[in-house]
PDB file of all heavy atoms in Angstrom:
ATOM      1  N   GLN A   1      13.539 -25.142  87.301  1.00  0.00           N
ATOM      2  CA  GLN A   1      14.333 -26.119  86.665  1.00  0.00           C
ATOM      3  C   GLN A   1      15.722 -25.570  86.367  1.00  0.00           C
ATOM      4  O   GLN A   1      15.940 -24.394  86.207  1.00  0.00           O
ATOM      5  CB  GLN A   1      13.669 -26.539  85.303  1.00  0.00           C
ATOM      6  CG  GLN A   1      12.312 -27.211  85.531  1.00  0.00           C
ATOM      7  CD  GLN A   1      11.711 -27.667  84.195  1.00  0.00           C
ATOM      8  OE1 GLN A   1      12.412 -27.664  83.128  1.00  0.00           O
ATOM      9  NE2 GLN A   1      10.506 -28.046  84.205  1.00  0.00           N
ATOM     10  N   ASP A   2      16.654 -26.534  86.235  1.00  0.00           N
ATOM     11  CA  ASP A   2      18.070 -26.147  86.006  1.00  0.00           C
ATOM     12  C   ASP A   2      18.112 -25.602  84.534  1.00  0.00           C
ATOM     13  O   ASP A   2      17.530 -26.194  83.638  1.00  0.00           O
ATOM     14  CB  ASP A   2      18.961 -27.296  86.134  1.00  0.00           C
ATOM     15  CG  ASP A   2      20.378 -27.004  85.769  1.00  0.00           C
ATOM     16  OD1 ASP A   2      20.796 -25.995  86.057  1.00  0.00           O
ATOM     17  OD2 ASP A   2      20.994 -27.920  85.164  1.00  0.00           O
ATOM     18  N   ALA A   3      18.844 -24.515  84.345  1.00  0.00           N
ATOM     19  CA  ALA A   3      18.993 -23.905  83.038  1.00  0.00           C
ATOM     20  C   ALA A   3      20.422 -23.860  82.530  1.00  0.00           C
ATOM     21  O   ALA A   3      20.825 -23.005  81.779  1.00  0.00           O
ATOM     22  CB  ALA A   3      18.440 -22.457  83.051  1.00  0.00           C
ATOM     23  N   THR A   4      21.292 -24.820  82.991  1.00  0.00           N
ATOM     24  CA  THR A   4      22.645 -24.938  82.528  1.00  0.00           C
ATOM     25  C   THR A   4      22.761 -25.118  81.072  1.00  0.00           C
ATOM     26  O   THR A   4      22.004 -25.960  80.509  1.00  0.00           O
ATOM     27  CB  THR A   4      23.363 -26.125  83.310  1.00  0.00           C
ATOM     28  OG1 THR A   4      23.202 -25.884  84.682  1.00  0.00           O
ATOM     29  CG2 THR A   4      24.791 -26.074  82.911  1.00  0.00           C
ATOM     30  N   ASN A   5      23.564 -24.284  80.374  1.00  0.00           N
ATOM     31  CA  ASN A   5      23.702 -24.407  78.949  1.00  0.00           C
ATOM     32  C   ASN A   5      24.792 -25.355  78.636  1.00  0.00           C
ATOM     33  O   ASN A   5      25.933 -25.138  78.865  1.00  0.00           O
ATOM     34  CB  ASN A   5      23.930 -22.992  78.381  1.00  0.00           C
ATOM     35  CG  ASN A   5      24.183 -23.016  76.939  1.00  0.00           C
ATOM     36  OD1 ASN A   5      23.768 -23.987  76.163  1.00  0.00           O
ATOM     37  ND2 ASN A   5      24.868 -21.948  76.368  1.00  0.00           N
ATOM     38  N   ASN A   6      24.352 -26.489  78.019  1.00  0.00           N
ATOM     39  CA  ASN A   6      25.331 -27.472  77.561  1.00  0.00           C
ATOM     40  C   ASN A   6      25.525 -27.563  76.107  1.00  0.00           C
ATOM     41  O   ASN A   6      26.141 -28.492  75.552  1.00  0.00           O
ATOM     42  CB  ASN A   6      24.873 -28.901  78.110  1.00  0.00           C
ATOM     43  CG  ASN A   6      24.855 -28.927  79.602  1.00  0.00           C
ATOM     44  OD1 ASN A   6      25.781 -28.517  80.221  1.00  0.00           O
ATOM     45  ND2 ASN A   6      23.829 -29.515  80.177  1.00  0.00           N
ATOM     46  N   ASP A   7      24.957 -26.605  75.353  1.00  0.00           N
ATOM     47  CA  ASP A   7      25.120 -26.596  73.883  1.00  0.00           C
ATOM     48  C   ASP A   7      26.581 -26.240  73.474  1.00  0.00           C
ATOM     49  O   ASP A   7      27.262 -25.594  74.145  1.00  0.00           O
ATOM     50  CB  ASP A   7      24.114 -25.556  73.225  1.00  0.00           C
ATOM     51  CG  ASP A   7      22.711 -26.091  73.158  1.00  0.00           C
ATOM     52  OD1 ASP A   7      22.536 -27.307  73.537  1.00  0.00           O
ATOM     53  OD2 ASP A   7      21.852 -25.344  72.711  1.00  0.00           O
ATOM     54  N   ASP A   8      26.855 -26.712  72.236  1.00  0.00           N
ATOM     55  CA  ASP A   8      28.119 -26.354  71.637  1.00  0.00           C
ATOM     56  C   ASP A   8      28.264 -24.874  71.379  1.00  0.00           C
ATOM     57  O   ASP A   8      27.338 -24.380  70.717  1.00  0.00           O
ATOM     58  CB  ASP A   8      28.311 -27.188  70.367  1.00  0.00           C
ATOM     59  CG  ASP A   8      29.672 -26.935  69.665  1.00  0.00           C
ATOM     60  OD1 ASP A   8      30.408 -26.138  70.190  1.00  0.00           O
ATOM     61  OD2 ASP A   8      29.956 -27.556  68.661  1.00  0.00           O
ATOM     62  N   PRO A   9      29.303 -24.159  71.873  1.00  0.00           N
ATOM     63  CA  PRO A   9      29.298 -22.761  71.670  1.00  0.00           C
ATOM     64  C   PRO A   9      29.295 -22.362  70.212  1.00  0.00           C
ATOM     65  O   PRO A   9      28.924 -21.293  69.866  1.00  0.00           O
ATOM     66  CB  PRO A   9      30.744 -22.398  72.287  1.00  0.00           C
ATOM     67  CG  PRO A   9      30.962 -23.452  73.343  1.00  0.00           C
ATOM     68  CD  PRO A   9      30.355 -24.688  72.700  1.00  0.00           C
ATOM     69  N   GLU A  10      29.828 -23.294  69.326  1.00  0.00           N
ATOM     70  CA  GLU A  10      29.782 -22.959  67.896  1.00  0.00           C
ATOM     71  C   GLU A  10      28.388 -22.909  67.323  1.00  0.00           C
ATOM     72  O   GLU A  10      28.153 -22.438  66.237  1.00  0.00           O
ATOM     73  CB  GLU A  10      30.665 -23.935  67.175  1.00  0.00           C
ATOM     74  CG  GLU A  10      32.173 -23.864  67.508  1.00  0.00           C
ATOM     75  CD  GLU A  10      33.018 -24.768  66.684  1.00  0.00           C
ATOM     76  OE1 GLU A  10      32.515 -25.468  65.898  1.00  0.00           O
ATOM     77  OE2 GLU A  10      34.281 -24.705  66.920  1.00  0.00           O
ATOM     78  N   SER A  11      27.449 -23.545  68.033  1.00  0.00           N
ATOM     79  CA  SER A  11      26.107 -23.578  67.521  1.00  0.00           C
ATOM     80  C   SER A  11      25.248 -22.388  67.879  1.00  0.00           C
ATOM     81  O   SER A  11      24.032 -22.230  67.455  1.00  0.00           O
ATOM     82  CB  SER A  11      25.413 -24.906  67.966  1.00  0.00           C
ATOM     83  OG  SER A  11      25.099 -24.779  69.354  1.00  0.00           O
ATOM     84  N   ILE A  12      25.868 -21.478  68.669  1.00  0.00           N
ATOM     85  CA  ILE A  12      25.064 -20.327  69.145  1.00  0.00           C
ATOM     86  C   ILE A  12      25.129 -19.213  68.121  1.00  0.00           C
ATOM     87  O   ILE A  12      26.261 -18.744  67.714  1.00  0.00           O
ATOM     88  CB  ILE A  12      25.622 -19.837  70.567  1.00  0.00           C
ATOM     89  CG1 ILE A  12      25.507 -20.935  71.540  1.00  0.00           C
ATOM     90  CG2 ILE A  12      24.835 -18.611  71.065  1.00  0.00           C
ATOM     91  CD1 ILE A  12      26.147 -20.630  72.828  1.00  0.00           C
ATOM     92  N   VAL A  13      23.998 -18.591  67.735  1.00  0.00           N
ATOM     93  CA  VAL A  13      23.920 -17.443  66.868  1.00  0.00           C
ATOM     94  C   VAL A  13      23.613 -16.272  67.724  1.00  0.00           C
ATOM     95  O   VAL A  13      22.612 -16.185  68.435  1.00  0.00           O
ATOM     96  CB  VAL A  13      22.846 -17.623  65.750  1.00  0.00           C
ATOM     97  CG1 VAL A  13      22.797 -16.388  64.934  1.00  0.00           C
ATOM     98  CG2 VAL A  13      23.193 -18.890  64.969  1.00  0.00           C
ATOM     99  N   PHE A  14      24.494 -15.244  67.695  1.00  0.00           N
ATOM    100  CA  PHE A  14      24.280 -14.053  68.518  1.00  0.00           C
ATOM    101  C   PHE A  14      23.695 -12.891  67.681  1.00  0.00           C
ATOM    102  O   PHE A  14      23.914 -12.713  66.518  1.00  0.00           O
ATOM    103  CB  PHE A  14      25.623 -13.506  69.194  1.00  0.00           C
ATOM    104  CG  PHE A  14      26.049 -14.453  70.219  1.00  0.00           C
ATOM    105  CD1 PHE A  14      27.139 -15.342  70.107  1.00  0.00           C
ATOM    106  CD2 PHE A  14      25.487 -14.327  71.542  1.00  0.00           C
ATOM    107  CE1 PHE A  14      27.489 -16.160  71.155  1.00  0.00           C
ATOM    108  CE2 PHE A  14      25.860 -15.163  72.556  1.00  0.00           C
ATOM    109  CZ  PHE A  14      26.947 -16.069  72.457  1.00  0.00           C
ATOM    110  N   PHE A  15      22.831 -12.034  68.447  1.00  0.00           N
ATOM    111  CA  PHE A  15      22.272 -10.928  67.829  1.00  0.00           C
ATOM    112  C   PHE A  15      22.655  -9.741  68.691  1.00  0.00           C
ATOM    113  O   PHE A  15      22.208  -9.524  69.806  1.00  0.00           O
ATOM    114  CB  PHE A  15      20.675 -11.034  67.833  1.00  0.00           C
ATOM    115  CG  PHE A  15      20.244 -12.322  67.151  1.00  0.00           C
ATOM    116  CD1 PHE A  15      20.205 -13.541  67.737  1.00  0.00           C
ATOM    117  CD2 PHE A  15      19.830 -12.250  65.836  1.00  0.00           C
ATOM    118  CE1 PHE A  15      19.799 -14.717  67.149  1.00  0.00           C
ATOM    119  CE2 PHE A  15      19.371 -13.379  65.124  1.00  0.00           C
ATOM    120  CZ  PHE A  15      19.367 -14.600  65.825  1.00  0.00           C
ATOM    121  N   LYS A  16      23.594  -8.882  68.100  1.00  0.00           N
ATOM    122  CA  LYS A  16      24.044  -7.783  68.909  1.00  0.00           C
ATOM    123  C   LYS A  16      24.488  -6.644  68.007  1.00  0.00           C
ATOM    124  O   LYS A  16      24.895  -6.857  66.785  1.00  0.00           O
ATOM    125  CB  LYS A  16      25.202  -8.223  69.766  1.00  0.00           C
ATOM    126  CG  LYS A  16      26.429  -8.777  69.035  1.00  0.00           C
ATOM    127  CD  LYS A  16      27.565  -9.238  69.943  1.00  0.00           C
ATOM    128  CE  LYS A  16      28.745  -9.802  69.237  1.00  0.00           C
ATOM    129  NZ  LYS A  16      29.740 -10.205  70.130  1.00  0.00           N
ATOM    130  N   GLY A  17      24.442  -5.382  68.552  1.00  0.00           N
ATOM    131  CA  GLY A  17      24.960  -4.253  67.740  1.00  0.00           C
ATOM    132  C   GLY A  17      26.351  -3.879  68.332  1.00  0.00           C
ATOM    133  O   GLY A  17      27.029  -4.603  68.986  1.00  0.00           O
ATOM    134  N   ASN A  18      26.794  -2.643  67.872  1.00  0.00           N
ATOM    135  CA  ASN A  18      28.067  -2.136  68.284  1.00  0.00           C
ATOM    136  C   ASN A  18      27.959  -1.280  69.449  1.00  0.00           C
ATOM    137  O   ASN A  18      27.354  -0.190  69.336  1.00  0.00           O
ATOM    138  CB  ASN A  18      28.677  -1.397  67.047  1.00  0.00           C
ATOM    139  CG  ASN A  18      30.116  -1.120  67.342  1.00  0.00           C
ATOM    140  OD1 ASN A  18      30.542  -0.671  68.373  1.00  0.00           O
ATOM    141  ND2 ASN A  18      30.957  -1.323  66.259  1.00  0.00           N
ATOM    142  N   PRO A  19      28.591  -1.566  70.582  1.00  0.00           N
ATOM    143  CA  PRO A  19      28.397  -0.737  71.853  1.00  0.00           C
ATOM    144  C   PRO A  19      29.153   0.605  71.751  1.00  0.00           C
ATOM    145  O   PRO A  19      28.986   1.423  72.597  1.00  0.00           O
ATOM    146  CB  PRO A  19      28.949  -1.674  72.941  1.00  0.00           C
ATOM    147  CG  PRO A  19      29.928  -2.513  72.262  1.00  0.00           C
ATOM    148  CD  PRO A  19      29.332  -2.812  70.832  1.00  0.00           C
ATOM    149  N   ILE A  20      30.039   0.707  70.781  1.00  0.00           N
ATOM    150  CA  ILE A  20      30.812   1.901  70.664  1.00  0.00           C
ATOM    151  C   ILE A  20      30.143   2.970  69.787  1.00  0.00           C
ATOM    152  O   ILE A  20      30.162   4.101  70.020  1.00  0.00           O
ATOM    153  CB  ILE A  20      32.216   1.612  70.111  1.00  0.00           C
ATOM    154  CG1 ILE A  20      32.966   0.685  71.069  1.00  0.00           C
ATOM    155  CG2 ILE A  20      33.050   2.875  69.948  1.00  0.00           C
ATOM    156  CD1 ILE A  20      34.342   0.190  70.676  1.00  0.00           C
ATOM    157  N   LEU A  21      29.490   2.468  68.650  1.00  0.00           N
ATOM    158  CA  LEU A  21      28.912   3.361  67.657  1.00  0.00           C
ATOM    159  C   LEU A  21      27.437   3.593  67.963  1.00  0.00           C
ATOM    160  O   LEU A  21      26.822   4.434  67.163  1.00  0.00           O
ATOM    161  CB  LEU A  21      29.129   2.814  66.263  1.00  0.00           C
ATOM    162  CG  LEU A  21      30.588   2.517  65.849  1.00  0.00           C
ATOM    163  CD1 LEU A  21      30.661   1.908  64.492  1.00  0.00           C
ATOM    164  CD2 LEU A  21      31.375   3.868  65.973  1.00  0.00           C
ATOM    165  N   SER A  22      26.761   2.969  68.866  1.00  0.00           N
ATOM    166  CA  SER A  22      25.381   3.169  69.073  1.00  0.00           C
ATOM    167  C   SER A  22      25.116   4.525  69.815  1.00  0.00           C
ATOM    168  O   SER A  22      25.987   5.000  70.653  1.00  0.00           O
ATOM    169  CB  SER A  22      24.784   2.024  69.991  1.00  0.00           C
ATOM    170  OG  SER A  22      24.885   0.876  69.297  1.00  0.00           O
ATOM    171  N   PHE A  23      24.024   5.179  69.500  1.00  0.00           N
ATOM    172  CA  PHE A  23      23.739   6.506  70.001  1.00  0.00           C
ATOM    173  C   PHE A  23      23.670   6.601  71.585  1.00  0.00           C
ATOM    174  O   PHE A  23      24.310   7.369  72.180  1.00  0.00           O
ATOM    175  CB  PHE A  23      22.427   7.041  69.461  1.00  0.00           C
ATOM    176  CG  PHE A  23      22.046   8.417  69.964  1.00  0.00           C
ATOM    177  CD1 PHE A  23      22.649   9.595  69.549  1.00  0.00           C
ATOM    178  CD2 PHE A  23      20.971   8.562  70.845  1.00  0.00           C
ATOM    179  CE1 PHE A  23      22.293  10.785  69.979  1.00  0.00           C
ATOM    180  CE2 PHE A  23      20.656   9.759  71.332  1.00  0.00           C
ATOM    181  CZ  PHE A  23      21.282  10.907  70.913  1.00  0.00           C
ATOM    182  N   SER A  24      22.830   5.700  72.176  1.00  0.00           N
ATOM    183  CA  SER A  24      22.702   5.799  73.619  1.00  0.00           C
ATOM    184  C   SER A  24      24.034   5.555  74.429  1.00  0.00           C
ATOM    185  O   SER A  24      24.339   6.373  75.281  1.00  0.00           O
ATOM    186  CB  SER A  24      21.669   4.690  74.139  1.00  0.00           C
ATOM    187  OG  SER A  24      20.442   4.983  73.577  1.00  0.00           O
ATOM    188  N   PRO A  25      24.937   4.603  74.084  1.00  0.00           N
ATOM    189  CA  PRO A  25      26.128   4.497  74.768  1.00  0.00           C
ATOM    190  C   PRO A  25      27.090   5.723  74.532  1.00  0.00           C
ATOM    191  O   PRO A  25      27.793   6.057  75.440  1.00  0.00           O
ATOM    192  CB  PRO A  25      26.800   3.252  74.110  1.00  0.00           C
ATOM    193  CG  PRO A  25      25.704   2.427  73.730  1.00  0.00           C
ATOM    194  CD  PRO A  25      24.561   3.414  73.277  1.00  0.00           C
ATOM    195  N   ILE A  26      27.015   6.284  73.322  1.00  0.00           N
ATOM    196  CA  ILE A  26      27.822   7.431  73.123  1.00  0.00           C
ATOM    197  C   ILE A  26      27.387   8.656  73.991  1.00  0.00           C
ATOM    198  O   ILE A  26      28.302   9.267  74.652  1.00  0.00           O
ATOM    199  CB  ILE A  26      27.784   7.885  71.601  1.00  0.00           C
ATOM    200  CG1 ILE A  26      28.470   6.908  70.726  1.00  0.00           C
ATOM    201  CG2 ILE A  26      28.310   9.277  71.390  1.00  0.00           C
ATOM    202  CD1 ILE A  26      28.231   7.152  69.219  1.00  0.00           C
ATOM    203  N   MET A  27      26.104   8.830  74.140  1.00  0.00           N
ATOM    204  CA  MET A  27      25.597   9.848  74.994  1.00  0.00           C
ATOM    205  C   MET A  27      25.930   9.631  76.438  1.00  0.00           C
ATOM    206  O   MET A  27      26.365  10.428  77.243  1.00  0.00           O
ATOM    207  CB  MET A  27      24.069  10.001  74.911  1.00  0.00           C
ATOM    208  CG  MET A  27      23.656  10.580  73.531  1.00  0.00           C
ATOM    209  SD  MET A  27      24.181  12.189  73.212  1.00  0.00           S
ATOM    210  CE  MET A  27      23.393  13.181  74.509  1.00  0.00           C
ATOM    211  N   ALA A  28      25.774   8.311  76.878  1.00  0.00           N
ATOM    212  CA  ALA A  28      26.053   7.933  78.270  1.00  0.00           C
ATOM    213  C   ALA A  28      27.485   8.081  78.594  1.00  0.00           C
ATOM    214  O   ALA A  28      27.911   8.631  79.727  1.00  0.00           O
ATOM    215  CB  ALA A  28      25.614   6.479  78.443  1.00  0.00           C
ATOM    216  N   TRP A  29      28.443   7.674  77.681  1.00  0.00           N
ATOM    217  CA  TRP A  29      29.884   7.736  77.938  1.00  0.00           C
ATOM    218  C   TRP A  29      30.318   9.277  77.953  1.00  0.00           C
ATOM    219  O   TRP A  29      31.201   9.614  78.664  1.00  0.00           O
ATOM    220  CB  TRP A  29      30.622   7.005  76.824  1.00  0.00           C
ATOM    221  CG  TRP A  29      30.874   5.539  77.259  1.00  0.00           C
ATOM    222  CD1 TRP A  29      30.241   4.528  76.593  1.00  0.00           C
ATOM    223  CD2 TRP A  29      31.588   5.087  78.324  1.00  0.00           C
ATOM    224  NE1 TRP A  29      30.709   3.337  77.178  1.00  0.00           N
ATOM    225  CE2 TRP A  29      31.470   3.627  78.299  1.00  0.00           C
ATOM    226  CE3 TRP A  29      32.323   5.634  79.334  1.00  0.00           C
ATOM    227  CZ2 TRP A  29      32.044   2.878  79.261  1.00  0.00           C
ATOM    228  CZ3 TRP A  29      32.870   4.847  80.304  1.00  0.00           C
ATOM    229  CH2 TRP A  29      32.756   3.469  80.256  1.00  0.00           C
ATOM    230  N   THR A  30      29.625  10.058  77.156  1.00  0.00           N
ATOM    231  CA  THR A  30      29.965  11.571  77.270  1.00  0.00           C
ATOM    232  C   THR A  30      29.623  12.103  78.647  1.00  0.00           C
ATOM    233  O   THR A  30      30.497  12.890  79.158  1.00  0.00           O
ATOM    234  CB  THR A  30      29.120  12.286  76.192  1.00  0.00           C
ATOM    235  OG1 THR A  30      29.503  11.790  74.819  1.00  0.00           O
ATOM    236  CG2 THR A  30      29.450  13.756  76.230  1.00  0.00           C
ATOM    237  N   LEU A  31      28.449  11.737  79.160  1.00  0.00           N
ATOM    238  CA  LEU A  31      28.117  12.230  80.455  1.00  0.00           C
ATOM    239  C   LEU A  31      28.973  11.666  81.513  1.00  0.00           C
ATOM    240  O   LEU A  31      29.338  12.337  82.539  1.00  0.00           O
ATOM    241  CB  LEU A  31      26.618  11.803  80.776  1.00  0.00           C
ATOM    242  CG  LEU A  31      25.516  12.466  79.983  1.00  0.00           C
ATOM    243  CD1 LEU A  31      24.172  11.905  80.156  1.00  0.00           C
ATOM    244  CD2 LEU A  31      25.616  14.004  80.235  1.00  0.00           C
ATOM    245  N   ILE A  32      29.378  10.356  81.420  1.00  0.00           N
ATOM    246  CA  ILE A  32      30.259   9.753  82.344  1.00  0.00           C
ATOM    247  C   ILE A  32      31.632  10.379  82.401  1.00  0.00           C
ATOM    248  O   ILE A  32      32.243  10.735  83.431  1.00  0.00           O
ATOM    249  CB  ILE A  32      30.473   8.195  82.057  1.00  0.00           C
ATOM    250  CG1 ILE A  32      29.162   7.508  82.349  1.00  0.00           C
ATOM    251  CG2 ILE A  32      31.579   7.654  82.842  1.00  0.00           C
ATOM    252  CD1 ILE A  32      29.140   6.094  81.831  1.00  0.00           C
ATOM    253  N   ALA A  33      32.137  10.760  81.135  1.00  0.00           N
ATOM    254  CA  ALA A  33      33.433  11.421  81.050  1.00  0.00           C
ATOM    255  C   ALA A  33      33.385  12.821  81.666  1.00  0.00           C
ATOM    256  O   ALA A  33      34.323  13.214  82.416  1.00  0.00           O
ATOM    257  CB  ALA A  33      33.828  11.478  79.556  1.00  0.00           C
ATOM    258  N   CYS A  34      32.327  13.552  81.460  1.00  0.00           N
ATOM    259  CA  CYS A  34      32.116  14.906  81.974  1.00  0.00           C
ATOM    260  C   CYS A  34      32.083  14.906  83.446  1.00  0.00           C
ATOM    261  O   CYS A  34      32.738  15.617  84.176  1.00  0.00           O
ATOM    262  CB  CYS A  34      30.904  15.636  81.429  1.00  0.00           C
ATOM    263  SG  CYS A  34      31.045  16.009  79.600  1.00  0.00           S
ATOM    264  N   ALA A  35      31.221  13.959  84.009  1.00  0.00           N
ATOM    265  CA  ALA A  35      31.146  13.793  85.484  1.00  0.00           C
ATOM    266  C   ALA A  35      32.474  13.393  86.149  1.00  0.00           C
ATOM    267  O   ALA A  35      32.827  13.983  87.127  1.00  0.00           O
ATOM    268  CB  ALA A  35      30.028  12.786  85.835  1.00  0.00           C
ATOM    269  N   SER A  36      33.136  12.503  85.473  1.00  0.00           N
ATOM    270  CA  SER A  36      34.479  11.998  86.021  1.00  0.00           C
ATOM    271  C   SER A  36      35.440  13.202  86.016  1.00  0.00           C
ATOM    272  O   SER A  36      36.250  13.385  86.990  1.00  0.00           O
ATOM    273  CB  SER A  36      34.957  10.854  85.186  1.00  0.00           C
ATOM    274  OG  SER A  36      34.105   9.725  85.308  1.00  0.00           O
ATOM    275  N   TYR A  37      35.511  14.002  84.928  1.00  0.00           N
ATOM    276  CA  TYR A  37      36.371  15.063  84.835  1.00  0.00           C
ATOM    277  C   TYR A  37      36.108  16.109  85.792  1.00  0.00           C
ATOM    278  O   TYR A  37      37.081  16.675  86.565  1.00  0.00           O
ATOM    279  CB  TYR A  37      36.341  15.641  83.398  1.00  0.00           C
ATOM    280  CG  TYR A  37      37.268  16.885  83.241  1.00  0.00           C
ATOM    281  CD1 TYR A  37      38.668  16.647  83.098  1.00  0.00           C
ATOM    282  CD2 TYR A  37      36.720  18.175  83.132  1.00  0.00           C
ATOM    283  CE1 TYR A  37      39.492  17.759  82.948  1.00  0.00           C
ATOM    284  CE2 TYR A  37      37.640  19.190  82.923  1.00  0.00           C
ATOM    285  CZ  TYR A  37      38.999  19.000  82.867  1.00  0.00           C
ATOM    286  OH  TYR A  37      39.802  20.098  82.709  1.00  0.00           O
ATOM    287  N   LEU A  38      34.846  16.501  86.011  1.00  0.00           N
ATOM    288  CA  LEU A  38      34.426  17.493  87.061  1.00  0.00           C
ATOM    289  C   LEU A  38      34.831  17.016  88.372  1.00  0.00           C
ATOM    290  O   LEU A  38      35.358  17.796  89.271  1.00  0.00           O
ATOM    291  CB  LEU A  38      32.994  17.779  86.956  1.00  0.00           C
ATOM    292  CG  LEU A  38      32.523  18.600  85.728  1.00  0.00           C
ATOM    293  CD1 LEU A  38      31.011  18.648  85.733  1.00  0.00           C
ATOM    294  CD2 LEU A  38      33.050  20.002  85.811  1.00  0.00           C
ATOM    295  N   GLY A  39      34.598  15.715  88.734  1.00  0.00           N
ATOM    296  CA  GLY A  39      34.996  15.183  90.004  1.00  0.00           C
ATOM    297  C   GLY A  39      36.491  15.259  90.260  1.00  0.00           C
ATOM    298  O   GLY A  39      36.909  15.643  91.362  1.00  0.00           O
ATOM    299  N   TYR A  40      37.232  14.933  89.168  1.00  0.00           N
ATOM    300  CA  TYR A  40      38.699  14.947  89.336  1.00  0.00           C
ATOM    301  C   TYR A  40      39.191  16.350  89.584  1.00  0.00           C
ATOM    302  O   TYR A  40      40.125  16.578  90.495  1.00  0.00           O
ATOM    303  CB  TYR A  40      39.336  14.431  88.079  1.00  0.00           C
ATOM    304  CG  TYR A  40      40.791  14.579  87.953  1.00  0.00           C
ATOM    305  CD1 TYR A  40      41.701  13.691  88.705  1.00  0.00           C
ATOM    306  CD2 TYR A  40      41.436  15.496  87.158  1.00  0.00           C
ATOM    307  CE1 TYR A  40      43.052  13.908  88.648  1.00  0.00           C
ATOM    308  CE2 TYR A  40      42.802  15.715  87.127  1.00  0.00           C
ATOM    309  CZ  TYR A  40      43.635  14.895  87.865  1.00  0.00           C
ATOM    310  OH  TYR A  40      44.987  15.006  87.820  1.00  0.00           O
ATOM    311  N   ILE A  41      38.690  17.359  88.841  1.00  0.00           N
ATOM    312  CA  ILE A  41      39.100  18.753  88.976  1.00  0.00           C
ATOM    313  C   ILE A  41      38.816  19.229  90.426  1.00  0.00           C
ATOM    314  O   ILE A  41      39.617  19.916  91.077  1.00  0.00           O
ATOM    315  CB  ILE A  41      38.396  19.658  87.951  1.00  0.00           C
ATOM    316  CG1 ILE A  41      38.888  19.259  86.566  1.00  0.00           C
ATOM    317  CG2 ILE A  41      38.690  21.129  88.210  1.00  0.00           C
ATOM    318  CD1 ILE A  41      40.387  19.507  86.281  1.00  0.00           C
ATOM    319  N   MET A  42      37.532  18.877  90.876  1.00  0.00           N
ATOM    320  CA  MET A  42      37.180  19.415  92.225  1.00  0.00           C
ATOM    321  C   MET A  42      38.028  18.762  93.331  1.00  0.00           C
ATOM    322  O   MET A  42      38.376  19.408  94.264  1.00  0.00           O
ATOM    323  CB  MET A  42      35.710  19.092  92.478  1.00  0.00           C
ATOM    324  CG  MET A  42      34.679  19.840  91.590  1.00  0.00           C
ATOM    325  SD  MET A  42      32.975  19.489  91.889  1.00  0.00           S
ATOM    326  CE  MET A  42      32.899  20.123  93.523  1.00  0.00           C
ATOM    327  N   ILE A  43      38.365  17.432  93.171  1.00  0.00           N
ATOM    328  CA  ILE A  43      39.227  16.739  94.111  1.00  0.00           C
ATOM    329  C   ILE A  43      40.676  17.468  94.148  1.00  0.00           C
ATOM    330  O   ILE A  43      41.229  17.618  95.169  1.00  0.00           O
ATOM    331  CB  ILE A  43      39.317  15.255  93.807  1.00  0.00           C
ATOM    332  CG1 ILE A  43      37.906  14.659  94.133  1.00  0.00           C
ATOM    333  CG2 ILE A  43      40.417  14.645  94.645  1.00  0.00           C
ATOM    334  CD1 ILE A  43      37.898  13.139  93.758  1.00  0.00           C
ATOM    335  N   GLN A  44      41.181  17.789  92.956  1.00  0.00           N
ATOM    336  CA  GLN A  44      42.415  18.467  92.841  1.00  0.00           C
ATOM    337  C   GLN A  44      42.377  19.776  93.607  1.00  0.00           C
ATOM    338  O   GLN A  44      43.479  20.241  94.142  1.00  0.00           O
ATOM    339  CB  GLN A  44      42.839  18.555  91.396  1.00  0.00           C
ATOM    340  CG  GLN A  44      43.094  17.259  90.671  1.00  0.00           C
ATOM    341  CD  GLN A  44      44.378  16.662  91.302  1.00  0.00           C
ATOM    342  OE1 GLN A  44      45.394  17.180  91.423  1.00  0.00           O
ATOM    343  NE2 GLN A  44      44.220  15.332  91.523  1.00  0.00           N
ATOM    344  N   ARG A  45      41.304  20.418  93.547  1.00  0.00           N
ATOM    345  CA  ARG A  45      41.128  21.747  94.238  1.00  0.00           C
ATOM    346  C   ARG A  45      40.863  21.587  95.735  1.00  0.00           C
ATOM    347  O   ARG A  45      40.665  22.619  96.440  1.00  0.00           O
ATOM    348  CB  ARG A  45      40.086  22.625  93.571  1.00  0.00           C
ATOM    349  CG  ARG A  45      40.394  22.936  92.167  1.00  0.00           C
ATOM    350  CD  ARG A  45      39.161  23.706  91.528  1.00  0.00           C
ATOM    351  NE  ARG A  45      39.424  24.136  90.123  1.00  0.00           N
ATOM    352  CZ  ARG A  45      38.502  24.708  89.382  1.00  0.00           C
ATOM    353  NH1 ARG A  45      37.236  24.929  89.900  1.00  0.00           N
ATOM    354  NH2 ARG A  45      38.801  25.034  88.174  1.00  0.00           N
TER     355      ARG A  45
END
């Protein structure tokens, strides 16, 4: 069946946390930054 959402956006209640302050994203972004930095340094060399 079609699942197109035709509800008024103002009637939607969202349930979400903070993607910056949560533990898992912080750990993941730390690893991403380290991997990106190592890749950049190696390419420069």
